[in-house]
Protein backbone atom coordinates (compact mmCIF):
# COMPACT_ATOMS: atom_id res chain seq x y z
CA MET A 1 0.00 0.00 0.00
CA VAL A 2 3.02 2.38 0.29
CA ALA A 3 3.35 4.49 -2.87
CA TYR A 4 6.47 6.33 -1.70
CA ALA A 5 8.17 7.62 1.41
CA CYS A 6 10.11 10.83 1.86
CA GLY A 7 11.15 13.12 4.65
CA THR A 8 13.26 12.27 7.65
CA PRO A 9 13.54 8.66 8.83
CA LEU A 10 11.92 8.60 12.27
CA LEU A 11 12.08 4.99 13.34
CA THR A 12 13.71 1.73 12.29
CA LEU A 13 11.84 -1.50 13.02
CA ARG A 14 13.79 -4.73 13.00
CA GLY A 15 11.99 -7.99 12.48
CA GLY A 16 12.93 -11.61 12.54
CA VAL A 17 15.49 -13.49 10.45
CA ASN A 18 14.33 -15.18 7.25
CA ALA A 19 14.99 -18.91 7.55
CA ARG A 20 15.89 -19.32 3.86
CA SER A 21 17.97 -16.21 3.19
CA GLY A 22 19.31 -15.56 6.67
CA HIS A 23 18.54 -11.85 6.27
CA ARG A 24 16.85 -9.88 8.99
CA SER A 25 13.87 -7.76 7.96
CA VAL A 26 14.22 -4.01 8.49
CA VAL A 27 11.57 -1.35 7.91
CA GLU A 28 12.38 2.35 8.08
CA LEU A 29 9.46 4.65 8.89
CA ASN A 30 9.76 8.13 7.45
CA SER A 31 7.93 11.29 8.48
CA ILE A 32 5.98 11.28 5.19
CA ILE A 33 4.42 8.13 3.82
CA ALA A 34 2.10 8.24 0.80
CA THR A 35 -0.19 5.29 0.23
CA TYR A 36 -2.23 3.93 -2.64
CA GLY A 37 -5.96 3.64 -2.26
CA ARG A 38 -8.56 5.76 -0.59
CA GLY A 39 -8.61 7.73 2.62
CA HIS A 40 -10.61 6.72 5.65
CA GLN A 41 -13.55 8.78 4.42
CA GLY A 42 -13.93 6.67 1.30
CA SER A 43 -12.52 9.09 -1.25
CA SER A 44 -9.24 10.76 -1.93
CA PRO A 45 -8.94 14.56 -1.83
CA ASN A 46 -9.63 16.17 -5.17
CA GLN A 47 -10.50 19.51 -6.71
CA ASN A 48 -14.02 19.39 -5.21
CA TYR A 49 -12.84 18.73 -1.66
CA VAL A 50 -14.36 21.10 0.90
CA PRO A 51 -12.90 20.69 4.39
CA PRO A 52 -15.19 20.83 7.42
CA LEU A 53 -15.57 24.33 8.83
CA ASN A 54 -14.41 24.85 12.42
CA ASN A 55 -13.29 27.88 14.39
CA ILE A 56 -9.73 26.66 15.00
CA ALA A 57 -9.01 26.38 11.28
CA LEU A 58 -11.00 29.54 10.48
CA PHE A 59 -9.11 31.68 13.01
CA ARG A 60 -5.80 30.31 11.74
CA ARG A 61 -6.85 30.97 8.13
CA ASP A 62 -7.43 34.62 9.06
CA ASN A 63 -4.26 34.67 11.20
CA HIS A 64 -6.25 35.58 14.35
CA PHE A 65 -7.01 39.03 12.91
CA CYS A 66 -10.42 40.62 12.98
CA MET A 67 -11.30 41.09 9.33
CA TYR A 68 -13.11 44.34 10.16
CA CYS A 69 -10.83 46.31 12.51
CA GLY A 70 -7.55 44.56 11.56
CA GLN A 71 -6.39 43.91 15.14
CA ARG A 72 -4.97 40.59 16.29
CA PHE A 73 -6.78 38.76 19.11
CA SER A 74 -6.45 35.59 21.15
CA HIS A 75 -8.70 32.66 20.33
CA GLY A 76 -11.11 33.44 23.19
CA ASP A 77 -11.70 37.00 21.99
CA LEU A 78 -12.64 35.99 18.44
CA SER A 79 -15.88 34.83 16.86
CA ARG A 80 -17.10 33.47 13.55
CA ASP A 81 -18.94 36.11 11.55
CA HIS A 82 -21.20 35.32 8.61
CA ILE A 83 -20.70 37.94 5.90
CA THR A 84 -24.25 37.37 4.70
CA PRO A 85 -26.04 36.51 7.96
CA LEU A 86 -27.84 33.19 8.27
CA SER A 87 -31.02 35.17 8.96
CA GLN A 88 -30.67 36.72 5.47
CA GLY A 89 -30.09 33.41 3.70
CA GLY A 90 -26.30 33.21 4.09
CA ALA A 91 -24.55 29.86 4.42
CA ASP A 92 -22.29 28.50 7.13
CA ALA A 93 -19.52 27.95 4.56
CA TRP A 94 -15.85 28.94 4.18
CA ASN A 95 -16.61 31.59 1.55
CA ASN A 96 -19.22 33.28 3.76
CA VAL A 97 -17.40 33.37 7.10
CA ILE A 98 -14.55 35.43 8.47
CA THR A 99 -12.88 35.96 11.81
CA ALA A 100 -14.18 38.93 13.78
CA CYS A 101 -13.52 40.27 17.24
CA LYS A 102 -16.55 40.14 19.50
CA ARG A 103 -16.88 43.94 19.47
CA CYS A 104 -17.03 44.16 15.66
CA ASN A 105 -19.30 41.13 15.41
CA ASN A 106 -21.74 42.69 17.90
CA HIS A 107 -21.62 46.02 16.05
CA LYS A 108 -22.37 44.31 12.72
CA ALA A 109 -25.18 42.31 14.36
CA GLY A 110 -27.50 40.55 11.88
CA ARG A 111 -26.58 42.80 8.96
CA THR A 112 -24.24 42.54 6.00
CA PRO A 113 -21.04 44.61 6.09
CA GLU A 114 -22.62 47.09 3.65
CA GLN A 115 -25.75 47.45 5.79
CA SER A 116 -23.65 48.08 8.91
CA GLY A 117 -21.20 50.47 7.23
CA MET A 118 -18.26 48.11 7.80
CA GLN A 119 -15.65 47.01 5.28
CA LEU A 120 -14.00 43.60 4.96
CA LEU A 121 -10.21 43.72 4.97
CA ALA A 122 -9.87 40.44 3.06
CA VAL A 123 -11.95 38.09 0.95
CA PRO A 124 -12.57 34.66 2.51
CA PHE A 125 -11.51 31.47 0.74
CA THR A 126 -12.01 27.72 1.04
CA PRO A 127 -8.73 25.99 1.95
CA THR A 128 -7.45 23.05 -0.06
CA TYR A 129 -6.77 19.68 1.57
CA ALA A 130 -3.08 20.50 2.23
CA GLU A 131 -3.96 23.97 3.56
CA TYR A 132 -6.59 22.46 5.86
CA ILE A 133 -4.09 20.01 7.36
CA TYR A 134 -1.85 22.99 8.17
CA LEU A 135 -4.77 25.01 9.57
CA GLN A 136 -5.74 22.26 11.98
CA GLY A 137 -2.78 23.34 14.10
CA ARG A 138 -1.60 19.89 14.99
CA ARG A 139 2.10 19.23 15.41
CA VAL A 140 3.69 19.19 11.99
CA LEU A 141 7.39 18.38 11.57
CA THR A 142 9.56 20.72 9.48
CA ASP A 143 9.91 18.33 6.54
CA GLN A 144 6.19 17.60 6.66
CA MET A 145 5.50 21.37 6.55
CA GLU A 146 7.74 21.70 3.48
CA PHE A 147 5.79 18.86 1.86
CA LEU A 148 2.44 20.52 2.70
CA ARG A 149 3.61 23.94 1.48
CA ALA A 150 4.62 22.40 -1.83
CA HIS A 151 0.98 21.34 -2.22
CA PHE A 152 -0.53 24.78 -1.42
CA PRO A 153 -1.86 26.57 -4.52
CA ARG A 154 0.62 29.14 -5.88
CA GLN A 155 -1.68 32.04 -5.00
CA SER A 156 -2.51 30.76 -1.50
CA PRO A 157 -2.44 33.52 1.14
CA LEU A 158 -1.00 30.95 3.53
CA HIS A 159 2.39 31.20 1.77
CA GLN A 160 2.73 34.73 3.15
CA ARG A 161 1.24 33.90 6.53
CA LEU A 162 3.77 31.28 7.52
CA GLY A 163 6.14 33.08 9.82
CA ILE A 164 4.70 36.61 9.71
CA THR A 165 3.12 38.60 12.50
CA GLY A 166 1.29 41.47 10.78
CA PRO A 167 -2.13 41.41 9.12
CA VAL A 168 -2.40 39.98 5.65
CA ILE A 169 -4.78 41.88 3.46
CA GLN A 170 -4.07 40.21 0.13
CA MET A 171 -6.27 37.10 -0.17
CA ARG A 172 -7.86 35.26 -3.08
């Protein structure tokens, strides 16, 4: 099932000795292992993949900045804001949600940014499969991060966000 392995070798497993050849089996486990077949969800990621929406990934996508006032906040001081409110027929989807501080979200209330006189600092986007893995915030080794970054779209705003501290206004 292993298609290829790359990255740093993490562990070497040594097995028994083959009775015929006299050789001992050895398996090296690398930090990146690609397999043939389908993922645990029954299909492999493709162009139509839409990752599940959650606040951890959303806040990381927007780099913990309020997309209205442009200030950076801790996780507990942020909220998910629907650009077109659910009460006005908006969807709970990546392209309709942004990170907002609680103050701005309360000021906007159940209105669109235009109706509330507020302006979005960036356009939301749906992350790809590789971007979503990064956004989940789990521990990712350096060589795994290089592998993921190589699979980000060329125009991904996440290229600029890795390792910066200021707000990023340029998004797709």
